[in-house]
N, C-alpha and C. Protein backbone atom coordinates (compact mmCIF):
# COMPACT_ATOMS: atom_id res chain seq x y z
N MET A 1 3.81 -13.56 -16.24
CA MET A 1 3.47 -12.72 -15.12
C MET A 1 4.40 -13.05 -13.93
N VAL A 2 4.71 -14.29 -13.71
CA VAL A 2 5.58 -14.69 -12.61
C VAL A 2 6.95 -14.03 -12.76
N THR A 3 7.44 -13.99 -14.00
CA THR A 3 8.74 -13.35 -14.25
C THR A 3 8.67 -11.88 -13.90
N SER A 4 7.62 -11.20 -14.25
CA SER A 4 7.44 -9.81 -13.94
C SER A 4 7.43 -9.55 -12.42
N ILE A 5 6.72 -10.38 -11.70
CA ILE A 5 6.61 -10.26 -10.25
C ILE A 5 7.98 -10.42 -9.60
N LEU A 6 8.68 -11.49 -9.93
CA LEU A 6 9.98 -11.73 -9.31
C LEU A 6 11.04 -10.70 -9.76
N THR A 7 10.98 -10.26 -11.01
CA THR A 7 11.91 -9.27 -11.50
C THR A 7 11.73 -7.95 -10.73
N ASN A 8 10.48 -7.57 -10.50
CA ASN A 8 10.21 -6.33 -9.77
C ASN A 8 10.76 -6.42 -8.35
N LEU A 9 10.55 -7.56 -7.70
CA LEU A 9 11.01 -7.72 -6.34
C LEU A 9 12.54 -7.75 -6.24
N PHE A 10 13.16 -8.42 -7.19
CA PHE A 10 14.63 -8.44 -7.21
C PHE A 10 15.20 -7.05 -7.50
N ASP A 11 14.56 -6.34 -8.42
CA ASP A 11 15.01 -4.99 -8.73
C ASP A 11 14.97 -4.11 -7.48
N ASN A 12 13.84 -4.20 -6.73
CA ASN A 12 13.75 -3.45 -5.47
C ASN A 12 14.82 -3.89 -4.48
N ALA A 13 15.06 -5.16 -4.37
CA ALA A 13 16.07 -5.65 -3.43
C ALA A 13 17.44 -5.08 -3.78
N VAL A 14 17.76 -5.06 -5.05
CA VAL A 14 19.05 -4.52 -5.48
C VAL A 14 19.13 -3.02 -5.17
N LYS A 15 18.06 -2.29 -5.48
CA LYS A 15 18.04 -0.82 -5.25
C LYS A 15 18.17 -0.49 -3.77
N TYR A 16 17.56 -1.29 -2.90
CA TYR A 16 17.50 -0.94 -1.50
C TYR A 16 18.50 -1.67 -0.62
N THR A 17 19.40 -2.41 -1.21
CA THR A 17 20.44 -3.06 -0.45
C THR A 17 21.72 -2.26 -0.60
N GLY A 18 22.29 -1.86 0.52
CA GLY A 18 23.49 -1.04 0.48
C GLY A 18 24.70 -1.82 0.01
N GLN A 19 25.77 -1.08 -0.18
CA GLN A 19 27.04 -1.69 -0.59
C GLN A 19 27.44 -2.74 0.42
N ASN A 20 27.87 -3.89 -0.06
CA ASN A 20 28.23 -5.03 0.77
C ASN A 20 27.03 -5.67 1.48
N GLY A 21 25.82 -5.29 1.08
CA GLY A 21 24.62 -5.88 1.66
C GLY A 21 24.38 -7.27 1.06
N VAL A 22 23.38 -7.94 1.59
CA VAL A 22 23.08 -9.31 1.20
C VAL A 22 21.61 -9.42 0.73
N ILE A 23 21.41 -10.14 -0.37
CA ILE A 23 20.07 -10.45 -0.85
C ILE A 23 19.97 -11.97 -0.86
N LYS A 24 18.91 -12.48 -0.23
CA LYS A 24 18.71 -13.94 -0.17
C LYS A 24 17.38 -14.30 -0.81
N LEU A 25 17.38 -15.44 -1.48
CA LEU A 25 16.18 -15.99 -2.05
C LEU A 25 15.99 -17.40 -1.52
N ALA A 26 14.80 -17.67 -1.05
CA ALA A 26 14.44 -19.03 -0.63
C ALA A 26 13.15 -19.41 -1.37
N ALA A 27 13.06 -20.65 -1.75
CA ALA A 27 11.87 -21.14 -2.44
C ALA A 27 11.49 -22.46 -1.82
N LEU A 28 10.19 -22.68 -1.63
CA LEU A 28 9.73 -23.96 -1.11
C LEU A 28 8.33 -24.23 -1.58
N LYS A 29 7.99 -25.49 -1.55
CA LYS A 29 6.63 -25.93 -1.89
C LYS A 29 6.11 -26.66 -0.67
N THR A 30 4.96 -26.23 -0.18
CA THR A 30 4.39 -26.85 1.02
C THR A 30 3.63 -28.13 0.65
N LYS A 31 3.27 -28.88 1.66
CA LYS A 31 2.52 -30.11 1.40
C LYS A 31 1.11 -29.80 0.86
N GLU A 32 0.67 -28.55 1.05
CA GLU A 32 -0.61 -28.12 0.48
C GLU A 32 -0.46 -27.59 -0.94
N ASP A 33 0.70 -27.81 -1.55
CA ASP A 33 1.00 -27.37 -2.91
C ASP A 33 1.02 -25.85 -3.08
N ILE A 34 1.40 -25.14 -2.03
CA ILE A 34 1.59 -23.70 -2.12
C ILE A 34 3.08 -23.45 -2.41
N LEU A 35 3.34 -22.69 -3.45
CA LEU A 35 4.69 -22.33 -3.82
C LEU A 35 5.01 -21.00 -3.18
N ILE A 36 6.11 -20.96 -2.40
CA ILE A 36 6.49 -19.77 -1.64
C ILE A 36 7.90 -19.34 -2.02
N PHE A 37 8.01 -18.04 -2.30
CA PHE A 37 9.33 -17.42 -2.49
C PHE A 37 9.52 -16.40 -1.37
N LYS A 38 10.69 -16.40 -0.79
CA LYS A 38 11.04 -15.38 0.21
C LYS A 38 12.28 -14.65 -0.30
N ILE A 39 12.17 -13.33 -0.39
CA ILE A 39 13.28 -12.51 -0.83
C ILE A 39 13.60 -11.56 0.32
N THR A 40 14.81 -11.68 0.84
CA THR A 40 15.24 -10.88 1.98
C THR A 40 16.45 -10.06 1.59
N ASN A 41 16.43 -8.80 1.95
CA ASN A 41 17.61 -7.97 1.73
C ASN A 41 17.96 -7.22 3.01
N THR A 42 19.24 -6.96 3.17
CA THR A 42 19.73 -6.27 4.37
C THR A 42 19.35 -4.78 4.26
N TYR A 43 18.23 -4.46 4.84
CA TYR A 43 17.70 -3.09 4.83
C TYR A 43 17.29 -2.77 6.25
N ARG A 44 17.21 -1.51 6.56
CA ARG A 44 16.85 -1.09 7.92
C ARG A 44 15.46 -1.63 8.31
N GLU A 45 15.22 -1.71 9.59
CA GLU A 45 13.90 -2.13 10.08
C GLU A 45 12.90 -1.03 9.77
N LEU A 46 11.79 -1.42 9.20
CA LEU A 46 10.71 -0.48 8.90
C LEU A 46 9.72 -0.45 10.04
N ASP A 47 9.10 0.71 10.28
CA ASP A 47 8.10 0.76 11.34
C ASP A 47 6.76 0.19 10.80
N ALA A 48 5.84 -0.05 11.70
CA ALA A 48 4.60 -0.70 11.33
C ALA A 48 3.82 0.08 10.26
N GLN A 49 3.86 1.40 10.33
CA GLN A 49 3.15 2.22 9.35
C GLN A 49 3.75 2.08 7.95
N GLU A 50 5.08 2.03 7.87
CA GLU A 50 5.75 1.86 6.58
C GLU A 50 5.40 0.50 5.98
N LEU A 51 5.40 -0.53 6.81
CA LEU A 51 5.04 -1.86 6.33
C LEU A 51 3.60 -1.92 5.84
N LYS A 52 2.71 -1.27 6.57
CA LYS A 52 1.30 -1.26 6.21
C LYS A 52 1.02 -0.58 4.88
N LYS A 53 1.71 0.52 4.62
CA LYS A 53 1.47 1.32 3.40
C LYS A 53 2.28 0.85 2.20
N MET A 54 3.18 -0.07 2.40
CA MET A 54 4.14 -0.47 1.38
C MET A 54 3.50 -0.84 0.02
N PHE A 55 2.34 -1.43 0.04
CA PHE A 55 1.73 -1.93 -1.19
C PHE A 55 0.67 -0.98 -1.76
N GLU A 56 0.54 0.22 -1.15
CA GLU A 56 -0.41 1.22 -1.65
C GLU A 56 0.27 2.02 -2.77
N PRO A 57 -0.53 2.52 -3.73
CA PRO A 57 0.04 3.27 -4.85
C PRO A 57 0.79 4.54 -4.39
N PHE A 58 1.88 4.82 -5.05
CA PHE A 58 2.70 6.02 -4.87
C PHE A 58 3.35 6.12 -3.48
N GLN A 59 3.43 5.02 -2.77
CA GLN A 59 4.09 5.04 -1.48
C GLN A 59 5.57 4.80 -1.66
N ARG A 60 6.37 5.65 -1.06
CA ARG A 60 7.82 5.52 -1.13
C ARG A 60 8.36 5.67 0.29
N ILE A 61 9.42 4.99 0.57
CA ILE A 61 10.07 5.07 1.88
C ILE A 61 10.66 6.47 2.04
N GLU A 62 10.46 7.04 3.22
CA GLU A 62 10.99 8.37 3.49
C GLU A 62 12.48 8.45 3.25
N ASN A 63 12.93 9.59 2.77
CA ASN A 63 14.34 9.84 2.50
C ASN A 63 14.92 8.90 1.46
N ASN A 64 14.07 8.40 0.59
CA ASN A 64 14.49 7.48 -0.44
C ASN A 64 15.00 8.26 -1.64
N GLU A 65 16.22 8.00 -2.03
CA GLU A 65 16.80 8.72 -3.18
C GLU A 65 16.83 7.84 -4.44
N ASN A 66 16.34 6.62 -4.36
CA ASN A 66 16.31 5.73 -5.53
C ASN A 66 15.23 6.17 -6.48
N PRO A 67 15.47 6.00 -7.79
CA PRO A 67 14.44 6.38 -8.75
C PRO A 67 13.23 5.44 -8.67
N GLY A 68 12.07 5.95 -8.97
CA GLY A 68 10.87 5.14 -9.00
C GLY A 68 9.64 5.99 -8.72
N SER A 69 8.48 5.38 -8.96
CA SER A 69 7.22 6.10 -8.81
C SER A 69 6.43 5.64 -7.58
N GLY A 70 6.84 4.54 -6.96
CA GLY A 70 6.07 4.02 -5.86
C GLY A 70 4.92 3.14 -6.31
N LEU A 71 5.02 2.63 -7.55
CA LEU A 71 3.94 1.76 -8.06
C LEU A 71 4.36 0.30 -8.16
N GLY A 72 5.62 0.00 -8.08
CA GLY A 72 6.10 -1.37 -8.31
C GLY A 72 5.46 -2.40 -7.43
N LEU A 73 5.41 -2.17 -6.12
CA LEU A 73 4.84 -3.18 -5.22
C LEU A 73 3.32 -3.25 -5.35
N THR A 74 2.69 -2.12 -5.73
CA THR A 74 1.24 -2.13 -5.99
C THR A 74 0.94 -3.03 -7.19
N ILE A 75 1.77 -2.89 -8.22
CA ILE A 75 1.58 -3.73 -9.42
C ILE A 75 1.82 -5.19 -9.10
N VAL A 76 2.84 -5.48 -8.32
CA VAL A 76 3.12 -6.86 -7.93
C VAL A 76 1.92 -7.45 -7.19
N LYS A 77 1.37 -6.70 -6.26
CA LYS A 77 0.22 -7.20 -5.51
C LYS A 77 -0.97 -7.49 -6.42
N LYS A 78 -1.21 -6.62 -7.38
CA LYS A 78 -2.34 -6.84 -8.32
C LYS A 78 -2.08 -8.03 -9.22
N GLN A 79 -0.82 -8.17 -9.68
CA GLN A 79 -0.50 -9.33 -10.52
C GLN A 79 -0.68 -10.63 -9.74
N LEU A 80 -0.26 -10.62 -8.49
CA LEU A 80 -0.43 -11.83 -7.68
C LEU A 80 -1.91 -12.17 -7.46
N ALA A 81 -2.72 -11.17 -7.26
CA ALA A 81 -4.16 -11.40 -7.08
C ALA A 81 -4.74 -12.06 -8.34
N GLN A 82 -4.23 -11.69 -9.51
CA GLN A 82 -4.73 -12.27 -10.76
C GLN A 82 -4.37 -13.75 -10.91
N CYS A 83 -3.30 -14.18 -10.24
CA CYS A 83 -2.92 -15.59 -10.34
C CYS A 83 -3.07 -16.29 -8.99
N ASN A 84 -4.05 -15.86 -8.21
CA ASN A 84 -4.40 -16.50 -6.94
C ASN A 84 -3.20 -16.57 -6.00
N GLY A 85 -2.52 -15.45 -5.84
CA GLY A 85 -1.39 -15.41 -4.93
C GLY A 85 -1.47 -14.19 -4.04
N ASN A 86 -0.51 -14.08 -3.15
CA ASN A 86 -0.45 -12.89 -2.30
C ASN A 86 0.97 -12.59 -1.89
N ILE A 87 1.18 -11.42 -1.31
CA ILE A 87 2.51 -10.99 -0.90
C ILE A 87 2.39 -10.30 0.45
N SER A 88 3.43 -10.44 1.24
CA SER A 88 3.51 -9.72 2.51
C SER A 88 4.96 -9.30 2.71
N ALA A 89 5.14 -8.34 3.61
CA ALA A 89 6.50 -7.87 3.93
C ALA A 89 6.57 -7.74 5.46
N GLU A 90 7.75 -8.09 5.97
CA GLU A 90 7.97 -7.97 7.41
C GLU A 90 9.44 -7.80 7.69
N ASN A 91 9.74 -7.25 8.84
CA ASN A 91 11.14 -7.19 9.30
C ASN A 91 11.52 -8.59 9.76
N SER A 92 12.74 -8.96 9.46
CA SER A 92 13.25 -10.26 9.90
C SER A 92 14.70 -10.06 10.39
N PRO A 93 15.25 -11.08 11.04
CA PRO A 93 16.63 -10.94 11.49
C PRO A 93 17.61 -10.64 10.35
N GLY A 94 17.28 -11.08 9.13
CA GLY A 94 18.17 -10.84 7.97
C GLY A 94 17.91 -9.52 7.27
N GLY A 95 16.87 -8.78 7.68
CA GLY A 95 16.52 -7.52 7.02
C GLY A 95 15.04 -7.47 6.66
N LEU A 96 14.73 -6.85 5.54
CA LEU A 96 13.36 -6.76 5.08
C LEU A 96 13.04 -7.99 4.25
N GLU A 97 11.97 -8.69 4.62
CA GLU A 97 11.63 -9.94 3.93
C GLU A 97 10.25 -9.85 3.27
N PHE A 98 10.25 -10.16 1.98
CA PHE A 98 9.01 -10.26 1.21
C PHE A 98 8.69 -11.74 1.04
N GLU A 99 7.46 -12.10 1.31
CA GLU A 99 7.02 -13.49 1.08
C GLU A 99 5.92 -13.48 0.03
N VAL A 100 6.19 -14.23 -1.05
CA VAL A 100 5.26 -14.33 -2.16
C VAL A 100 4.70 -15.74 -2.14
N GLN A 101 3.38 -15.88 -2.15
CA GLN A 101 2.75 -17.19 -2.16
C GLN A 101 1.91 -17.34 -3.43
N PHE A 102 2.16 -18.43 -4.13
CA PHE A 102 1.35 -18.81 -5.28
C PHE A 102 0.47 -19.97 -4.82
N LEU A 103 -0.81 -19.74 -4.68
CA LEU A 103 -1.71 -20.74 -4.12
C LEU A 103 -2.18 -21.75 -5.14
N ASP A 104 -2.01 -21.43 -6.40
CA ASP A 104 -2.47 -22.30 -7.49
C ASP A 104 -1.26 -22.67 -8.32
N GLN A 105 -0.99 -23.94 -8.49
CA GLN A 105 0.19 -24.39 -9.22
C GLN A 105 0.10 -24.15 -10.72
N ARG A 106 -1.06 -23.78 -11.22
CA ARG A 106 -1.23 -23.48 -12.64
C ARG A 106 -0.87 -22.02 -12.86
N LEU A 107 0.41 -21.72 -12.81
CA LEU A 107 0.87 -20.35 -12.91
C LEU A 107 0.73 -19.84 -14.33
N PRO A 108 0.43 -18.52 -14.45
CA PRO A 108 0.27 -17.93 -15.78
C PRO A 108 1.61 -17.83 -16.51
């Protein structure tokens, strides 16, 4: 399941990063044993409404010409819930940043 989650997020990062754009991955483990992955891609700043709806089914960014159904991030969120994790997205100085937290080290 972890592979599916990260593959989906990387696939989105590749699709939504323009030519000569940058995709960054950071991974860390906190002292509370929370495993965190941050995936950032150079994408335009999203407004608050776009960020809020991002994980809802069939939501797609306006004027998006990339193929897809708008279900990928919904599936990722459900998969993370099954393994005691969560995901969030926010604008950052480097672009759009997704933070994935695995709260239980016994990953599926």
